[in-house]
Amino acid sequence: MKLTLRNTIFSGGSALLLTSCASAPPTIVHEIVGPGPTVVNEEHDGFLTVYSATAWTTDDDGPSLLKYTNYRIDAADGTLFKKVPNDDQEPTRVILPKGTYTVVAQSDTSGMVSVPVAIETGKTTVVHLEREKDWKEAPVGIRSADLVRLPNGQPIGFRARHAELLKGPVVTVAQSK
């Protein structure tokens, strides 16, 4: 009787441990990433470039290539706005209406992350989720307080300027295909 009780407790405990380790919740960033210091052009939309996690791929005809992983952009209301095929050697540059969005992407250092982003007219917002040493635009002369970081301390982009965000209305965008 004691043996079956012990086996039952052991089995139940093992199952509980296995299911709790099965999937980690996504990392959530609370600060908004915005465009870096750039010159504004006369276009009406803004741009987003996400350096998502990288993966090695091999074609039948050639060598292995390091490509960025796909990600999604959610509208301000949380609905899916766009799925972005980012599987090239350079990240995809996405054109978006001015507003706030959430990027849900794979990070090389933090797994799945959810990052709020601000899109401003004529400016490019860049999110760096690759390994920290891969961010070649080392923020020289930029104060640490001007950067958004993952919980592990890795900088992922420039902090959005809240005063500029409040000048125009935040756009709630309908879901697209």
N, C-alpha and C. Protein backbone atom coordinates (compact mmCIF):
# COMPACT_ATOMS: atom_id res chain seq x y z
N MET A 1 0.82 -1.18 0.00
CA MET A 1 0.00 0.00 0.00
C MET A 1 0.87 1.26 0.00
N LYS A 2 1.93 1.26 0.83
CA LYS A 2 2.81 2.42 0.89
C LYS A 2 3.52 2.64 -0.43
N LEU A 3 3.87 1.58 -1.13
CA LEU A 3 4.58 1.67 -2.40
C LEU A 3 3.70 2.32 -3.46
N THR A 4 2.43 1.95 -3.55
CA THR A 4 1.55 2.55 -4.55
C THR A 4 1.27 4.03 -4.23
N LEU A 5 1.14 4.37 -2.97
CA LEU A 5 0.93 5.76 -2.58
C LEU A 5 2.16 6.59 -2.95
N ARG A 6 3.35 6.04 -2.67
CA ARG A 6 4.58 6.75 -3.01
C ARG A 6 4.70 6.92 -4.53
N ASN A 7 4.40 5.88 -5.28
CA ASN A 7 4.46 5.95 -6.75
C ASN A 7 3.45 6.96 -7.30
N THR A 8 2.27 7.00 -6.71
CA THR A 8 1.24 7.95 -7.14
C THR A 8 1.70 9.38 -6.89
N ILE A 9 2.24 9.65 -5.71
CA ILE A 9 2.74 10.99 -5.39
C ILE A 9 3.90 11.36 -6.30
N PHE A 10 4.81 10.42 -6.51
CA PHE A 10 5.95 10.67 -7.40
C PHE A 10 5.49 10.97 -8.82
N SER A 11 4.53 10.20 -9.33
CA SER A 11 4.02 10.42 -10.69
C SER A 11 3.33 11.77 -10.80
N GLY A 12 2.53 12.10 -9.82
CA GLY A 12 1.84 13.39 -9.84
C GLY A 12 2.81 14.56 -9.77
N GLY A 13 3.79 14.46 -8.91
CA GLY A 13 4.81 15.51 -8.79
C GLY A 13 5.62 15.66 -10.07
N SER A 14 5.98 14.55 -10.67
CA SER A 14 6.73 14.58 -11.93
C SER A 14 5.91 15.25 -13.03
N ALA A 15 4.64 14.90 -13.12
CA ALA A 15 3.78 15.49 -14.15
C ALA A 15 3.65 17.00 -13.94
N LEU A 16 3.52 17.43 -12.70
CA LEU A 16 3.43 18.84 -12.40
C LEU A 16 4.70 19.58 -12.79
N LEU A 17 5.85 19.01 -12.47
CA LEU A 17 7.12 19.63 -12.85
C LEU A 17 7.28 19.71 -14.36
N LEU A 18 6.93 18.66 -15.06
CA LEU A 18 7.07 18.65 -16.52
C LEU A 18 6.18 19.68 -17.18
N THR A 19 4.95 19.81 -16.73
CA THR A 19 4.04 20.78 -17.36
C THR A 19 4.42 22.20 -17.02
N SER A 20 4.99 22.45 -15.84
CA SER A 20 5.38 23.82 -15.50
C SER A 20 6.60 24.26 -16.30
N CYS A 21 7.41 23.33 -16.78
CA CYS A 21 8.59 23.67 -17.58
C CYS A 21 8.31 23.61 -19.07
N ALA A 22 7.14 23.20 -19.46
CA ALA A 22 6.84 22.97 -20.88
C ALA A 22 6.89 24.25 -21.70
N SER A 23 6.38 25.34 -21.18
CA SER A 23 6.41 26.57 -21.96
C SER A 23 6.62 27.76 -21.03
N ALA A 24 7.55 28.61 -21.42
CA ALA A 24 7.82 29.80 -20.63
C ALA A 24 6.96 30.94 -21.16
N PRO A 25 6.47 31.79 -20.29
CA PRO A 25 5.67 32.92 -20.76
C PRO A 25 6.57 33.88 -21.55
N PRO A 26 5.99 34.65 -22.47
CA PRO A 26 6.81 35.58 -23.24
C PRO A 26 7.34 36.71 -22.37
N THR A 27 8.49 37.23 -22.75
CA THR A 27 9.05 38.40 -22.08
C THR A 27 8.26 39.62 -22.54
N ILE A 28 7.84 40.44 -21.60
CA ILE A 28 7.06 41.63 -21.94
C ILE A 28 7.88 42.87 -21.60
N VAL A 29 8.08 43.73 -22.58
CA VAL A 29 8.78 45.00 -22.39
C VAL A 29 7.71 46.06 -22.18
N HIS A 30 7.88 46.92 -21.18
CA HIS A 30 6.85 47.90 -20.85
C HIS A 30 7.11 49.28 -21.44
N GLU A 31 8.36 49.60 -21.74
CA GLU A 31 8.68 50.91 -22.31
C GLU A 31 8.51 50.86 -23.82
N ILE A 32 8.10 51.98 -24.41
CA ILE A 32 7.85 52.04 -25.85
C ILE A 32 9.13 52.38 -26.59
N VAL A 33 9.45 51.57 -27.61
CA VAL A 33 10.59 51.85 -28.47
C VAL A 33 10.12 52.79 -29.57
N GLY A 34 10.88 53.84 -29.81
CA GLY A 34 10.54 54.81 -30.84
C GLY A 34 11.69 55.03 -31.78
N PRO A 35 11.51 55.92 -32.73
CA PRO A 35 12.58 56.17 -33.69
C PRO A 35 13.78 56.84 -33.02
N GLY A 36 14.95 56.57 -33.55
CA GLY A 36 16.16 57.21 -33.06
C GLY A 36 16.24 58.63 -33.58
N PRO A 37 17.27 59.35 -33.21
CA PRO A 37 17.42 60.72 -33.68
C PRO A 37 17.69 60.74 -35.18
N THR A 38 16.70 61.18 -35.97
CA THR A 38 16.84 61.23 -37.42
C THR A 38 16.18 62.49 -37.96
N VAL A 39 16.39 62.72 -39.23
CA VAL A 39 15.77 63.86 -39.90
C VAL A 39 14.42 63.41 -40.45
N VAL A 40 13.38 64.21 -40.24
CA VAL A 40 12.04 63.88 -40.71
C VAL A 40 11.94 64.18 -42.20
N ASN A 41 11.35 63.26 -42.97
CA ASN A 41 11.08 63.54 -44.38
C ASN A 41 9.61 63.89 -44.54
N GLU A 42 9.14 64.08 -45.73
CA GLU A 42 7.79 64.58 -45.97
C GLU A 42 6.74 63.48 -46.19
N GLU A 43 7.06 62.24 -45.91
CA GLU A 43 6.09 61.17 -46.12
C GLU A 43 5.07 61.17 -44.99
N HIS A 44 3.89 60.56 -45.24
CA HIS A 44 2.82 60.56 -44.24
C HIS A 44 2.86 59.37 -43.30
N ASP A 45 3.53 58.29 -43.70
CA ASP A 45 3.64 57.11 -42.87
C ASP A 45 5.01 57.07 -42.21
N GLY A 46 5.17 56.13 -41.31
CA GLY A 46 6.46 55.88 -40.70
C GLY A 46 6.92 54.48 -41.06
N PHE A 47 8.04 54.08 -40.51
CA PHE A 47 8.64 52.81 -40.88
C PHE A 47 9.05 52.03 -39.63
N LEU A 48 9.07 50.71 -39.76
CA LEU A 48 9.49 49.83 -38.68
C LEU A 48 10.44 48.78 -39.25
N THR A 49 11.57 48.60 -38.58
CA THR A 49 12.52 47.55 -38.92
C THR A 49 12.80 46.77 -37.65
N VAL A 50 12.60 45.45 -37.69
CA VAL A 50 12.81 44.61 -36.52
C VAL A 50 13.91 43.59 -36.83
N TYR A 51 14.99 43.69 -36.08
CA TYR A 51 16.06 42.69 -36.15
C TYR A 51 15.68 41.59 -35.16
N SER A 52 14.83 40.67 -35.62
CA SER A 52 14.35 39.59 -34.76
C SER A 52 15.46 38.55 -34.60
N ALA A 53 15.14 37.48 -33.87
CA ALA A 53 16.11 36.41 -33.68
C ALA A 53 16.58 35.89 -35.03
N THR A 54 17.77 35.37 -35.05
CA THR A 54 18.33 34.87 -36.30
C THR A 54 18.34 33.34 -36.28
N ALA A 55 18.28 32.77 -37.48
CA ALA A 55 18.30 31.31 -37.62
C ALA A 55 19.12 30.97 -38.86
N TRP A 56 19.89 29.91 -38.78
CA TRP A 56 20.66 29.44 -39.93
C TRP A 56 19.76 28.61 -40.82
N THR A 57 19.78 28.89 -42.11
CA THR A 57 19.00 28.11 -43.07
C THR A 57 19.94 27.63 -44.17
N THR A 58 19.61 26.49 -44.72
CA THR A 58 20.40 25.96 -45.84
C THR A 58 19.48 25.68 -46.99
N ASP A 59 19.92 26.06 -48.17
CA ASP A 59 19.22 25.74 -49.40
C ASP A 59 19.90 24.53 -50.01
N ASP A 60 19.16 23.82 -50.86
CA ASP A 60 19.75 22.66 -51.52
C ASP A 60 20.91 23.07 -52.42
N ASP A 61 20.86 24.30 -52.90
CA ASP A 61 21.86 24.74 -53.86
C ASP A 61 23.04 25.47 -53.26
N GLY A 62 22.96 25.88 -52.01
CA GLY A 62 24.03 26.73 -51.52
C GLY A 62 24.35 26.54 -50.06
N PRO A 63 25.18 27.44 -49.55
CA PRO A 63 25.63 27.35 -48.16
C PRO A 63 24.57 27.82 -47.17
N SER A 64 24.89 27.67 -45.91
CA SER A 64 24.00 28.14 -44.85
C SER A 64 23.96 29.66 -44.83
N LEU A 65 22.77 30.20 -44.59
CA LEU A 65 22.60 31.64 -44.50
C LEU A 65 21.95 31.99 -43.17
N LEU A 66 22.38 33.10 -42.58
CA LEU A 66 21.78 33.58 -41.35
C LEU A 66 20.65 34.53 -41.72
N LYS A 67 19.41 34.18 -41.34
CA LYS A 67 18.24 34.97 -41.70
C LYS A 67 17.47 35.34 -40.44
N TYR A 68 16.69 36.41 -40.55
CA TYR A 68 15.87 36.86 -39.43
C TYR A 68 14.55 36.09 -39.41
N THR A 69 13.98 35.92 -38.21
CA THR A 69 12.73 35.17 -38.06
C THR A 69 11.53 36.10 -38.26
N ASN A 70 10.41 35.51 -38.67
CA ASN A 70 9.17 36.24 -38.90
C ASN A 70 8.61 36.74 -37.57
N TYR A 71 7.74 37.75 -37.62
CA TYR A 71 7.12 38.28 -36.42
C TYR A 71 5.75 38.85 -36.77
N ARG A 72 5.04 39.32 -35.74
CA ARG A 72 3.74 39.93 -35.99
C ARG A 72 3.68 41.32 -35.36
N ILE A 73 2.78 42.13 -35.92
CA ILE A 73 2.52 43.46 -35.40
C ILE A 73 1.05 43.50 -34.98
N ASP A 74 0.81 43.86 -33.73
CA ASP A 74 -0.56 44.01 -33.23
C ASP A 74 -0.91 45.49 -33.18
N ALA A 75 -2.16 45.81 -33.50
CA ALA A 75 -2.66 47.19 -33.42
C ALA A 75 -2.78 47.60 -31.96
N ALA A 76 -3.05 48.87 -31.74
CA ALA A 76 -3.16 49.41 -30.38
C ALA A 76 -4.24 48.70 -29.56
N ASP A 77 -5.28 48.20 -30.24
CA ASP A 77 -6.35 47.51 -29.51
C ASP A 77 -6.06 46.03 -29.27
N GLY A 78 -4.86 45.57 -29.66
CA GLY A 78 -4.45 44.19 -29.41
C GLY A 78 -4.77 43.22 -30.53
N THR A 79 -5.46 43.66 -31.57
CA THR A 79 -5.77 42.76 -32.69
C THR A 79 -4.57 42.66 -33.62
N LEU A 80 -4.51 41.55 -34.33
CA LEU A 80 -3.43 41.36 -35.30
C LEU A 80 -3.55 42.40 -36.40
N PHE A 81 -2.48 43.15 -36.64
CA PHE A 81 -2.45 44.12 -37.72
C PHE A 81 -1.76 43.54 -38.95
N LYS A 82 -0.61 42.88 -38.71
CA LYS A 82 0.14 42.35 -39.85
C LYS A 82 1.12 41.28 -39.40
N LYS A 83 1.25 40.22 -40.21
CA LYS A 83 2.31 39.23 -40.02
C LYS A 83 3.43 39.62 -40.98
N VAL A 84 4.64 39.69 -40.47
CA VAL A 84 5.76 40.17 -41.27
C VAL A 84 6.72 39.02 -41.60
N PRO A 85 6.86 38.72 -42.89
CA PRO A 85 7.87 37.73 -43.28
C PRO A 85 9.24 38.41 -43.23
N ASN A 86 10.02 38.04 -42.25
CA ASN A 86 11.30 38.70 -42.00
C ASN A 86 12.46 37.76 -42.32
N ASP A 87 12.18 36.74 -43.14
CA ASP A 87 13.15 35.66 -43.34
C ASP A 87 14.13 35.93 -44.48
N ASP A 88 14.85 37.01 -44.36
CA ASP A 88 15.87 37.34 -45.35
C ASP A 88 17.14 37.71 -44.61
N GLN A 89 18.21 37.99 -45.37
CA GLN A 89 19.48 38.35 -44.74
C GLN A 89 19.44 39.76 -44.17
N GLU A 90 18.52 40.58 -44.64
CA GLU A 90 18.29 41.91 -44.07
C GLU A 90 16.84 41.95 -43.60
N PRO A 91 16.57 42.59 -42.45
CA PRO A 91 15.19 42.63 -41.97
C PRO A 91 14.28 43.44 -42.90
N THR A 92 13.01 43.06 -42.92
CA THR A 92 12.02 43.73 -43.74
C THR A 92 11.70 45.11 -43.17
N ARG A 93 11.66 46.11 -44.03
CA ARG A 93 11.25 47.46 -43.63
C ARG A 93 9.76 47.57 -43.90
N VAL A 94 8.96 47.80 -42.85
CA VAL A 94 7.51 47.83 -42.94
C VAL A 94 7.03 49.28 -42.90
N ILE A 95 6.11 49.63 -43.79
CA ILE A 95 5.50 50.96 -43.79
C ILE A 95 4.22 50.88 -42.97
N LEU A 96 4.09 51.78 -41.99
CA LEU A 96 2.93 51.78 -41.09
C LEU A 96 2.40 53.19 -40.90
N PRO A 97 1.08 53.33 -40.70
CA PRO A 97 0.53 54.63 -40.33
C PRO A 97 1.04 55.05 -38.95
N LYS A 98 1.13 56.34 -38.73
CA LYS A 98 1.54 56.86 -37.43
C LYS A 98 0.66 56.27 -36.34
N GLY A 99 1.25 55.86 -35.23
CA GLY A 99 0.49 55.31 -34.12
C GLY A 99 1.35 54.43 -33.25
N THR A 100 0.70 53.72 -32.35
CA THR A 100 1.40 52.79 -31.48
C THR A 100 0.96 51.37 -31.80
N TYR A 101 1.89 50.46 -31.73
CA TYR A 101 1.68 49.05 -32.07
C TYR A 101 2.45 48.21 -31.07
N THR A 102 2.26 46.90 -31.14
CA THR A 102 3.06 45.97 -30.35
C THR A 102 3.67 44.96 -31.30
N VAL A 103 4.99 44.81 -31.20
CA VAL A 103 5.71 43.81 -31.99
C VAL A 103 5.85 42.56 -31.12
N VAL A 104 5.48 41.41 -31.66
CA VAL A 104 5.64 40.14 -30.96
C VAL A 104 6.60 39.33 -31.82
N ALA A 105 7.81 39.12 -31.28
CA ALA A 105 8.87 38.49 -32.07
C ALA A 105 9.77 37.64 -31.19
N GLN A 106 10.54 36.80 -31.83
CA GLN A 106 11.51 35.96 -31.15
C GLN A 106 12.80 36.77 -30.96
N SER A 107 13.38 36.71 -29.77
CA SER A 107 14.64 37.37 -29.47
C SER A 107 15.73 36.30 -29.34
N ASP A 108 16.93 36.63 -29.77
CA ASP A 108 18.05 35.69 -29.62
C ASP A 108 18.40 35.45 -28.16
N THR A 109 18.12 36.43 -27.28
CA THR A 109 18.55 36.31 -25.89
C THR A 109 17.42 36.13 -24.88
N SER A 110 16.17 36.44 -25.27
CA SER A 110 15.08 36.41 -24.28
C SER A 110 13.86 35.62 -24.73
N GLY A 111 13.97 34.81 -25.76
CA GLY A 111 12.82 34.04 -26.22
C GLY A 111 11.80 34.94 -26.89
N MET A 112 10.53 34.60 -26.76
CA MET A 112 9.45 35.39 -27.36
C MET A 112 9.27 36.67 -26.55
N VAL A 113 9.25 37.83 -27.22
CA VAL A 113 9.09 39.10 -26.54
C VAL A 113 7.94 39.89 -27.14
N SER A 114 7.37 40.76 -26.34
CA SER A 114 6.30 41.65 -26.75
C SER A 114 6.79 43.07 -26.48
N VAL A 115 6.96 43.86 -27.55
CA VAL A 115 7.56 45.19 -27.42
C VAL A 115 6.63 46.25 -28.00
N PRO A 116 6.20 47.23 -27.18
CA PRO A 116 5.41 48.33 -27.74
C PRO A 116 6.31 49.25 -28.57
N VAL A 117 5.81 49.70 -29.72
CA VAL A 117 6.58 50.59 -30.58
C VAL A 117 5.73 51.78 -30.98
N ALA A 118 6.39 52.91 -31.20
CA ALA A 118 5.73 54.12 -31.68
C ALA A 118 6.21 54.38 -33.10
N ILE A 119 5.28 54.64 -34.00
CA ILE A 119 5.60 54.97 -35.38
C ILE A 119 5.27 56.43 -35.58
N GLU A 120 6.26 57.20 -36.04
CA GLU A 120 6.09 58.62 -36.28
C GLU A 120 6.24 58.89 -37.76
N THR A 121 5.55 59.91 -38.24
CA THR A 121 5.56 60.27 -39.64
C THR A 121 6.99 60.50 -40.14
N GLY A 122 7.35 59.76 -41.21
CA GLY A 122 8.63 59.94 -41.86
C GLY A 122 9.84 59.44 -41.11
N LYS A 123 9.65 58.80 -39.96
CA LYS A 123 10.78 58.30 -39.17
C LYS A 123 10.77 56.77 -39.14
N THR A 124 11.94 56.21 -38.86
CA THR A 124 12.07 54.76 -38.78
C THR A 124 12.30 54.35 -37.33
N THR A 125 11.46 53.47 -36.84
CA THR A 125 11.64 52.86 -35.52
C THR A 125 12.35 51.54 -35.73
N VAL A 126 13.44 51.31 -35.01
CA VAL A 126 14.22 50.09 -35.16
C VAL A 126 14.24 49.36 -33.83
N VAL A 127 13.94 48.05 -33.86
CA VAL A 127 13.96 47.20 -32.68
C VAL A 127 15.03 46.15 -32.89
N HIS A 128 15.96 46.03 -31.94
CA HIS A 128 17.08 45.08 -32.03
C HIS A 128 16.87 43.93 -31.06
N LEU A 129 16.43 42.79 -31.58
CA LEU A 129 16.23 41.62 -30.73
C LEU A 129 17.27 40.54 -31.01
N GLU A 130 18.24 40.85 -31.89
CA GLU A 130 19.34 39.93 -32.12
C GLU A 130 20.29 40.00 -30.93
N ARG A 131 21.37 39.26 -30.99
CA ARG A 131 22.32 39.31 -29.88
C ARG A 131 22.86 40.73 -29.75
N GLU A 132 23.12 41.15 -28.51
CA GLU A 132 23.54 42.52 -28.25
C GLU A 132 24.76 42.91 -29.06
N LYS A 133 25.71 42.00 -29.20
CA LYS A 133 26.93 42.34 -29.94
C LYS A 133 26.66 42.55 -31.43
N ASP A 134 25.49 42.11 -31.93
CA ASP A 134 25.16 42.29 -33.34
C ASP A 134 24.59 43.67 -33.64
N TRP A 135 24.21 44.43 -32.62
CA TRP A 135 23.69 45.76 -32.85
C TRP A 135 24.85 46.67 -33.22
N LYS A 136 25.01 46.90 -34.50
CA LYS A 136 26.16 47.64 -35.01
C LYS A 136 26.02 49.15 -34.82
N GLU A 137 24.80 49.62 -34.64
CA GLU A 137 24.57 51.04 -34.41
C GLU A 137 24.80 51.34 -32.93
N ALA A 138 25.99 51.00 -32.45
CA ALA A 138 26.28 51.20 -31.04
C ALA A 138 25.92 52.63 -30.64
N PRO A 139 25.08 52.76 -29.64
CA PRO A 139 24.59 54.09 -29.27
C PRO A 139 25.67 54.94 -28.61
N VAL A 140 26.66 55.36 -29.40
CA VAL A 140 27.73 56.20 -28.89
C VAL A 140 27.17 57.59 -28.59
N GLY A 141 27.46 58.08 -27.43
CA GLY A 141 27.01 59.41 -27.05
C GLY A 141 25.55 59.47 -26.64
N ILE A 142 24.86 58.35 -26.62
CA ILE A 142 23.45 58.30 -26.21
C ILE A 142 23.40 57.95 -24.73
N ARG A 143 22.62 58.71 -23.98
CA ARG A 143 22.47 58.42 -22.56
C ARG A 143 21.76 57.09 -22.37
N SER A 144 22.13 56.37 -21.36
CA SER A 144 21.50 55.08 -21.06
C SER A 144 20.01 55.24 -20.84
N ALA A 145 19.60 56.38 -20.29
CA ALA A 145 18.18 56.63 -20.02
C ALA A 145 17.38 56.79 -21.32
N ASP A 146 18.05 57.00 -22.45
CA ASP A 146 17.37 57.16 -23.73
C ASP A 146 17.17 55.83 -24.46
N LEU A 147 17.55 54.72 -23.82
CA LEU A 147 17.43 53.41 -24.44
C LEU A 147 16.40 52.55 -23.73
N VAL A 148 15.70 51.72 -24.50
CA VAL A 148 14.80 50.72 -23.94
C VAL A 148 15.59 49.42 -23.87
N ARG A 149 15.43 48.70 -22.79
CA ARG A 149 16.21 47.48 -22.57
C ARG A 149 15.31 46.30 -22.25
N LEU A 150 15.79 45.12 -22.60
CA LEU A 150 15.14 43.89 -22.16
C LEU A 150 15.41 43.71 -20.68
N PRO A 151 14.68 42.83 -19.99
CA PRO A 151 14.95 42.60 -18.57
C PRO A 151 16.40 42.17 -18.28
N ASN A 152 17.09 41.57 -19.26
CA ASN A 152 18.47 41.16 -19.05
C ASN A 152 19.46 42.32 -19.23
N GLY A 153 18.96 43.54 -19.51
CA GLY A 153 19.80 44.71 -19.64
C GLY A 153 20.21 45.04 -21.07
N GLN A 154 19.90 44.17 -22.01
CA GLN A 154 20.29 44.38 -23.41
C GLN A 154 19.49 45.52 -24.01
N PRO A 155 20.16 46.53 -24.61
CA PRO A 155 19.42 47.61 -25.27
C PRO A 155 18.77 47.09 -26.55
N ILE A 156 17.51 47.50 -26.79
CA ILE A 156 16.80 47.03 -27.99
C ILE A 156 16.32 48.18 -28.87
N GLY A 157 16.46 49.41 -28.42
CA GLY A 157 16.03 50.54 -29.23
C GLY A 157 16.03 51.82 -28.43
N PHE A 158 15.65 52.88 -29.11
CA PHE A 158 15.58 54.20 -28.48
C PHE A 158 14.23 54.40 -27.84
N ARG A 159 14.23 55.04 -26.68
CA ARG A 159 12.99 55.33 -25.95
C ARG A 159 12.16 56.32 -26.77
N ALA A 160 10.86 56.05 -26.87
CA ALA A 160 9.96 56.96 -27.60
C ALA A 160 9.85 58.27 -26.84
N ARG A 161 9.71 59.33 -27.58
CA ARG A 161 9.55 60.66 -26.99
C ARG A 161 8.07 60.89 -26.75
N HIS A 162 7.64 60.82 -25.49
CA HIS A 162 6.21 60.89 -25.16
C HIS A 162 5.58 62.22 -25.55
N ALA A 163 6.30 63.33 -25.45
CA ALA A 163 5.73 64.62 -25.80
C ALA A 163 5.33 64.63 -27.27
N GLU A 164 6.15 64.05 -28.14
CA GLU A 164 5.83 64.01 -29.56
C GLU A 164 4.66 63.06 -29.84
N LEU A 165 4.57 61.99 -29.07
CA LEU A 165 3.47 61.05 -29.27
C LEU A 165 2.13 61.68 -28.92
N LEU A 166 2.12 62.59 -27.95
CA LEU A 166 0.87 63.18 -27.50
C LEU A 166 0.37 64.29 -28.43
N LYS A 167 1.20 64.76 -29.36
CA LYS A 167 0.79 65.83 -30.28
C LYS A 167 -0.32 65.38 -31.22
N GLY A 168 -0.25 64.14 -31.68
CA GLY A 168 -1.25 63.63 -32.61
C GLY A 168 -2.05 62.54 -31.96
N PRO A 169 -3.22 62.26 -32.51
CA PRO A 169 -4.03 61.18 -31.93
C PRO A 169 -3.38 59.83 -32.20
N VAL A 170 -3.57 58.92 -31.28
CA VAL A 170 -3.10 57.55 -31.48
C VAL A 170 -4.08 56.87 -32.41
N VAL A 171 -3.58 56.25 -33.43
CA VAL A 171 -4.43 55.64 -34.43
C VAL A 171 -4.78 54.22 -34.01
N THR A 172 -6.05 53.90 -34.01
CA THR A 172 -6.48 52.53 -33.85
C THR A 172 -6.74 52.00 -35.25
N VAL A 173 -6.01 50.98 -35.60
CA VAL A 173 -6.01 50.52 -36.98
C VAL A 173 -6.84 49.24 -37.09
N ALA A 174 -7.64 49.16 -38.14
CA ALA A 174 -8.44 47.95 -38.37
C ALA A 174 -7.52 46.80 -38.78
N GLN A 175 -7.98 45.61 -38.52
CA GLN A 175 -7.20 44.42 -38.85
C GLN A 175 -7.07 44.29 -40.36
N SER A 176 -5.88 43.92 -40.81
CA SER A 176 -5.67 43.72 -42.24
C SER A 176 -5.24 42.29 -42.51
N LYS A 177 -5.19 41.94 -43.79
CA LYS A 177 -4.81 40.58 -44.16
C LYS A 177 -3.33 40.39 -44.10
